[in-house]
């Protein structure tokens, strides 16, 4: 089963792709907003969405060298793997054209569009350091059940669990990705 997202309201529509041939164009009408839109079946020029891939396989296949975060939503959606890069990785709720580089596809209203930031930097020896700070956000960022204060930065390590809204996130560092 595949899912397509309505370009107007971001609602997902599920369909069985095995009933169609590559290159065939399908037209959908969103049951929520009534928007009519088309998609073409086949290989996309864009990277497959995180929800259509297996997160464990994706993490193994794509060793970006800076690690990744695994997003495990508690009640709202699916597990996602988001690769990190050097510099600021802005984590927040996906919204079209928001400009953040680590969007979480979610319906969780307690996640802000710019909820928190993981800064990845390398020391002189090439070891990576991961520093988490709140966005600032309305609901806060929690590490080990402690809320990060305003302007507080926390160094986090492999398998650190942190929570934003109702969503849990686990950091997997570069060293973990290489195993």
C-alpha atoms as a PDB file:
ATOM      1  CA  UNK A   1       0.000   0.000   0.000  1.00  0.00           C
ATOM      2  CA  UNK A   2       1.211   3.508  -0.856  1.00  0.00           C
ATOM      3  CA  UNK A   3       0.119   6.850   0.510  1.00  0.00           C
ATOM      4  CA  UNK A   4      -0.118  10.228  -1.164  1.00  0.00           C
ATOM      5  CA  UNK A   5      -0.458  13.531   0.612  1.00  0.00           C
ATOM      6  CA  UNK A   6      -3.096  16.090  -0.327  1.00  0.00           C
ATOM      7  CA  UNK A   7      -1.262  19.262  -1.403  1.00  0.00           C
ATOM      8  CA  UNK A   8      -3.942  21.452   0.179  1.00  0.00           C
ATOM      9  CA  UNK A   9      -4.610  19.966   3.642  1.00  0.00           C
ATOM     10  CA  UNK A  10      -1.731  17.423   4.060  1.00  0.00           C
ATOM     11  CA  UNK A  11      -4.240  14.566   4.585  1.00  0.00           C
ATOM     12  CA  UNK A  12      -2.958  11.122   3.513  1.00  0.00           C
ATOM     13  CA  UNK A  13      -4.845   8.954   1.017  1.00  0.00           C
ATOM     14  CA  UNK A  14      -3.897   5.258   0.821  1.00  0.00           C
ATOM     15  CA  UNK A  15      -4.079   3.166  -2.363  1.00  0.00           C
ATOM     16  CA  UNK A  16      -2.844  -0.209  -3.657  1.00  0.00           C
ATOM     17  CA  UNK A  17      -0.023   0.556  -6.119  1.00  0.00           C
ATOM     18  CA  UNK A  18       0.088  -3.049  -7.390  1.00  0.00           C
ATOM     19  CA  UNK A  19      -3.127  -2.456  -9.355  1.00  0.00           C
ATOM     20  CA  UNK A  20      -1.422   0.141 -11.574  1.00  0.00           C
ATOM     21  CA  UNK A  21       1.473   0.188 -14.030  1.00  0.00           C
ATOM     22  CA  UNK A  22       4.592   2.379 -13.913  1.00  0.00           C
ATOM     23  CA  UNK A  23       3.998   5.666 -15.695  1.00  0.00           C
ATOM     24  CA  UNK A  24       0.238   5.566 -15.179  1.00  0.00           C
ATOM     25  CA  UNK A  25      -1.341   8.804 -13.901  1.00  0.00           C
ATOM     26  CA  UNK A  26      -3.856   8.602 -11.055  1.00  0.00           C
ATOM     27  CA  UNK A  27      -6.280  11.317  -9.984  1.00  0.00           C
ATOM     28  CA  UNK A  28      -7.395  11.591  -6.357  1.00  0.00           C
ATOM     29  CA  UNK A  29     -10.007  13.685  -4.602  1.00  0.00           C
ATOM     30  CA  UNK A  30      -9.250  14.403  -0.945  1.00  0.00           C
ATOM     31  CA  UNK A  31     -12.145  13.276   1.289  1.00  0.00           C
ATOM     32  CA  UNK A  32     -11.315  16.005   3.827  1.00  0.00           C
ATOM     33  CA  UNK A  33     -11.031  19.163   1.716  1.00  0.00           C
ATOM     34  CA  UNK A  34     -12.310  18.059  -1.710  1.00  0.00           C
ATOM     35  CA  UNK A  35      -9.076  19.023  -3.543  1.00  0.00           C
ATOM     36  CA  UNK A  36      -8.520  17.090  -6.787  1.00  0.00           C
ATOM     37  CA  UNK A  37      -4.891  16.281  -7.671  1.00  0.00           C
ATOM     38  CA  UNK A  38      -2.920  13.826  -9.781  1.00  0.00           C
ATOM     39  CA  UNK A  39       0.155  11.670  -9.285  1.00  0.00           C
ATOM     40  CA  UNK A  40       2.176   9.540 -11.700  1.00  0.00           C
ATOM     41  CA  UNK A  41       3.067   5.975 -10.671  1.00  0.00           C
ATOM     42  CA  UNK A  42       6.734   5.083 -11.015  1.00  0.00           C
ATOM     43  CA  UNK A  43      10.177   6.004  -9.769  1.00  0.00           C
ATOM     44  CA  UNK A  44      10.247   9.471  -8.288  1.00  0.00           C
ATOM     45  CA  UNK A  45      13.119  11.850  -8.870  1.00  0.00           C
ATOM     46  CA  UNK A  46      12.757  12.824  -5.222  1.00  0.00           C
ATOM     47  CA  UNK A  47      13.892  10.646  -2.332  1.00  0.00           C
ATOM     48  CA  UNK A  48      11.170   8.295  -1.124  1.00  0.00           C
ATOM     49  CA  UNK A  49       9.322   9.721   1.845  1.00  0.00           C
ATOM     50  CA  UNK A  50      10.465   8.443   5.205  1.00  0.00           C
ATOM     51  CA  UNK A  51       7.165   6.688   5.823  1.00  0.00           C
ATOM     52  CA  UNK A  52       7.375   4.562   2.659  1.00  0.00           C
ATOM     53  CA  UNK A  53      10.787   3.101   3.505  1.00  0.00           C
ATOM     54  CA  UNK A  54      12.009   0.773   6.197  1.00  0.00           C
ATOM     55  CA  UNK A  55      13.728   3.027   8.765  1.00  0.00           C
ATOM     56  CA  UNK A  56      16.256   0.388   9.858  1.00  0.00           C
ATOM     57  CA  UNK A  57      17.346  -0.347   6.274  1.00  0.00           C
ATOM     58  CA  UNK A  58      17.487   3.356   5.447  1.00  0.00           C
ATOM     59  CA  UNK A  59      19.761   4.038   8.409  1.00  0.00           C
ATOM     60  CA  UNK A  60      22.151   1.275   7.287  1.00  0.00           C
ATOM     61  CA  UNK A  61      22.110   2.292   3.608  1.00  0.00           C
ATOM     62  CA  UNK A  62      22.649   5.990   4.136  1.00  0.00           C
ATOM     63  CA  UNK A  63      25.682   6.550   6.313  1.00  0.00           C
ATOM     64  CA  UNK A  64      25.872  10.323   6.131  1.00  0.00           C
ATOM     65  CA  UNK A  65      28.718  10.408   8.625  1.00  0.00           C
ATOM     66  CA  UNK A  66      26.918  12.509  11.234  1.00  0.00           C
ATOM     67  CA  UNK A  67      24.441   9.991  12.641  1.00  0.00           C
ATOM     68  CA  UNK A  68      20.662  10.170  12.704  1.00  0.00           C
ATOM     69  CA  UNK A  69      17.643  10.561  14.925  1.00  0.00           C
ATOM     70  CA  UNK A  70      14.899   7.957  15.153  1.00  0.00           C
ATOM     71  CA  UNK A  71      11.485   9.517  15.711  1.00  0.00           C
ATOM     72  CA  UNK A  72       9.048   7.238  17.505  1.00  0.00           C
ATOM     73  CA  UNK A  73       5.708   8.906  17.865  1.00  0.00           C
ATOM     74  CA  UNK A  74       3.744   7.728  20.858  1.00  0.00           C
ATOM     75  CA  UNK A  75       0.207   8.013  19.478  1.00  0.00           C
ATOM     76  CA  UNK A  76       0.155   9.992  16.267  1.00  0.00           C
ATOM     77  CA  UNK A  77       2.109   8.301  13.468  1.00  0.00           C
ATOM     78  CA  UNK A  78       4.968   6.095  12.300  1.00  0.00           C
ATOM     79  CA  UNK A  79       8.631   5.610  13.111  1.00  0.00           C
ATOM     80  CA  UNK A  80      10.906   7.878  11.030  1.00  0.00           C
ATOM     81  CA  UNK A  81      14.685   8.077  10.549  1.00  0.00           C
ATOM     82  CA  UNK A  82      16.151  11.514   9.862  1.00  0.00           C
ATOM     83  CA  UNK A  83      19.833  11.888   9.006  1.00  0.00           C
ATOM     84  CA  UNK A  84      21.847  14.625  10.690  1.00  0.00           C
ATOM     85  CA  UNK A  85      24.428  16.933   9.147  1.00  0.00           C
ATOM     86  CA  UNK A  86      27.227  19.100  10.508  1.00  0.00           C
ATOM     87  CA  UNK A  87      25.947  22.358  11.983  1.00  0.00           C
ATOM     88  CA  UNK A  88      22.430  23.114  13.228  1.00  0.00           C
ATOM     89  CA  UNK A  89      19.793  20.442  12.628  1.00  0.00           C
ATOM     90  CA  UNK A  90      16.458  22.196  13.222  1.00  0.00           C
ATOM     91  CA  UNK A  91      13.838  19.672  14.332  1.00  0.00           C
ATOM     92  CA  UNK A  92      10.152  20.479  14.098  1.00  0.00           C
ATOM     93  CA  UNK A  93       6.760  19.642  12.678  1.00  0.00           C
ATOM     94  CA  UNK A  94       6.662  19.295   8.886  1.00  0.00           C
ATOM     95  CA  UNK A  95       4.998  22.146   7.081  1.00  0.00           C
ATOM     96  CA  UNK A  96       5.319  22.880   3.396  1.00  0.00           C
ATOM     97  CA  UNK A  97       8.089  25.436   2.671  1.00  0.00           C
ATOM     98  CA  UNK A  98       9.009  25.810   6.366  1.00  0.00           C
ATOM     99  CA  UNK A  99      12.735  25.643   5.616  1.00  0.00           C
ATOM    100  CA  UNK A 100      13.664  23.371   8.529  1.00  0.00           C
ATOM    101  CA  UNK A 101      16.191  20.644   7.719  1.00  0.00           C
ATOM    102  CA  UNK A 102      14.862  17.862  10.011  1.00  0.00           C
ATOM    103  CA  UNK A 103      11.077  17.865   9.517  1.00  0.00           C
ATOM    104  CA  UNK A 104       8.967  15.346  11.411  1.00  0.00           C
ATOM    105  CA  UNK A 105       5.832  14.274   9.583  1.00  0.00           C
ATOM    106  CA  UNK A 106       3.261  14.322  12.365  1.00  0.00           C
ATOM    107  CA  UNK A 107      -0.193  15.343  13.459  1.00  0.00           C
ATOM    108  CA  UNK A 108       1.082  15.992  16.991  1.00  0.00           C
ATOM    109  CA  UNK A 109      -0.108  19.548  17.773  1.00  0.00           C
ATOM    110  CA  UNK A 110       2.338  19.841  20.671  1.00  0.00           C
ATOM    111  CA  UNK A 111       5.375  19.903  18.340  1.00  0.00           C
ATOM    112  CA  UNK A 112       6.325  23.381  17.151  1.00  0.00           C
ATOM    113  CA  UNK A 113       7.553  24.063  13.627  1.00  0.00           C
ATOM    114  CA  UNK A 114      10.996  24.925  15.082  1.00  0.00           C
ATOM    115  CA  UNK A 115      10.900  22.849  18.246  1.00  0.00           C
ATOM    116  CA  UNK A 116      14.537  22.080  19.051  1.00  0.00           C
ATOM    117  CA  UNK A 117      18.011  22.056  17.528  1.00  0.00           C
ATOM    118  CA  UNK A 118      20.811  19.495  17.556  1.00  0.00           C
ATOM    119  CA  UNK A 119      24.143  21.080  16.704  1.00  0.00           C
ATOM    120  CA  UNK A 120      26.685  18.605  15.341  1.00  0.00           C
ATOM    121  CA  UNK A 121      30.301  19.750  15.417  1.00  0.00           C
ATOM    122  CA  UNK A 122      33.680  18.054  15.051  1.00  0.00           C
ATOM    123  CA  UNK A 123      36.713  18.609  17.266  1.00  0.00           C
ATOM    124  CA  UNK A 124      40.327  18.680  16.000  1.00  0.00           C
ATOM    125  CA  UNK A 125      40.513  14.884  16.147  1.00  0.00           C
ATOM    126  CA  UNK A 126      37.343  14.507  14.069  1.00  0.00           C
ATOM    127  CA  UNK A 127      35.167  13.296  16.956  1.00  0.00           C
ATOM    128  CA  UNK A 128      31.586  14.483  16.682  1.00  0.00           C
ATOM    129  CA  UNK A 129      29.816  16.325  19.491  1.00  0.00           C
ATOM    130  CA  UNK A 130      26.007  16.559  19.671  1.00  0.00           C
ATOM    131  CA  UNK A 131      24.457  19.488  21.556  1.00  0.00           C
ATOM    132  CA  UNK A 132      20.683  19.743  22.051  1.00  0.00           C
ATOM    133  CA  UNK A 133      18.821  22.979  22.808  1.00  0.00           C
ATOM    134  CA  UNK A 134      15.170  23.983  22.849  1.00  0.00           C
ATOM    135  CA  UNK A 135      13.807  26.069  19.959  1.00  0.00           C
ATOM    136  CA  UNK A 136      12.329  27.831  22.117  1.00  0.00           C
ATOM    137  CA  UNK A 137       9.095  25.849  21.967  1.00  0.00           C
ATOM    138  CA  UNK A 138       5.753  26.136  23.725  1.00  0.00           C
ATOM    139  CA  UNK A 139       5.836  22.655  25.270  1.00  0.00           C
ATOM    140  CA  UNK A 140       9.574  22.300  25.908  1.00  0.00           C
ATOM    141  CA  UNK A 141      12.209  19.699  25.167  1.00  0.00           C
ATOM    142  CA  UNK A 142      12.820  16.967  27.753  1.00  0.00           C
ATOM    143  CA  UNK A 143      16.017  14.945  28.233  1.00  0.00           C
ATOM    144  CA  UNK A 144      15.939  12.170  30.852  1.00  0.00           C
ATOM    145  CA  UNK A 145      12.576  13.544  32.070  1.00  0.00           C
ATOM    146  CA  UNK A 146      14.115  16.972  32.765  1.00  0.00           C
ATOM    147  CA  UNK A 147      12.996  19.992  30.789  1.00  0.00           C
ATOM    148  CA  UNK A 148      15.718  22.050  29.130  1.00  0.00           C
ATOM    149  CA  UNK A 149      15.658  25.616  30.405  1.00  0.00           C
ATOM    150  CA  UNK A 150      15.749  28.737  28.262  1.00  0.00           C
ATOM    151  CA  UNK A 151      19.135  29.006  26.553  1.00  0.00           C
ATOM    152  CA  UNK A 152      20.240  25.732  28.203  1.00  0.00           C
ATOM    153  CA  UNK A 153      22.360  23.424  26.050  1.00  0.00           C
ATOM    154  CA  UNK A 154      22.841  19.744  26.792  1.00  0.00           C
ATOM    155  CA  UNK A 155      25.484  17.471  25.299  1.00  0.00           C
ATOM    156  CA  UNK A 156      23.775  14.249  24.231  1.00  0.00           C
ATOM    157  CA  UNK A 157      25.269  10.892  23.317  1.00  0.00           C
ATOM    158  CA  UNK A 158      24.402   7.730  21.386  1.00  0.00           C
ATOM    159  CA  UNK A 159      20.993   6.315  22.405  1.00  0.00           C
ATOM    160  CA  UNK A 160      20.007   9.463  24.321  1.00  0.00           C
ATOM    161  CA  UNK A 161      16.220   9.606  24.487  1.00  0.00           C
ATOM    162  CA  UNK A 162      14.585  13.028  24.361  1.00  0.00           C
ATOM    163  CA  UNK A 163      10.957  14.052  24.068  1.00  0.00           C
ATOM    164  CA  UNK A 164       9.257  16.873  22.204  1.00  0.00           C
ATOM    165  CA  UNK A 165       5.489  17.104  22.617  1.00  0.00           C
ATOM    166  CA  UNK A 166       4.104  13.550  22.681  1.00  0.00           C
ATOM    167  CA  UNK A 167       6.949  12.292  20.491  1.00  0.00           C
ATOM    168  CA  UNK A 168      10.050  10.386  21.587  1.00  0.00           C
ATOM    169  CA  UNK A 169      13.326  10.712  19.681  1.00  0.00           C
ATOM    170  CA  UNK A 170      16.509   8.634  19.990  1.00  0.00           C
ATOM    171  CA  UNK A 171      19.906   9.905  18.852  1.00  0.00           C
ATOM    172  CA  UNK A 172      22.121   7.489  16.940  1.00  0.00           C
ATOM    173  CA  UNK A 173      25.605   8.921  16.591  1.00  0.00           C
ATOM    174  CA  UNK A 174      28.031   8.323  13.722  1.00  0.00           C
ATOM    175  CA  UNK A 175      29.757   5.583  15.728  1.00  0.00           C
ATOM    176  CA  UNK A 176      26.418   3.759  16.126  1.00  0.00           C
ATOM    177  CA  UNK A 177      25.698   4.069  12.372  1.00  0.00           C
ATOM    178  CA  UNK A 178      28.983   2.327  11.513  1.00  0.00           C
ATOM    179  CA  UNK A 179      28.185  -0.825  13.499  1.00  0.00           C
END
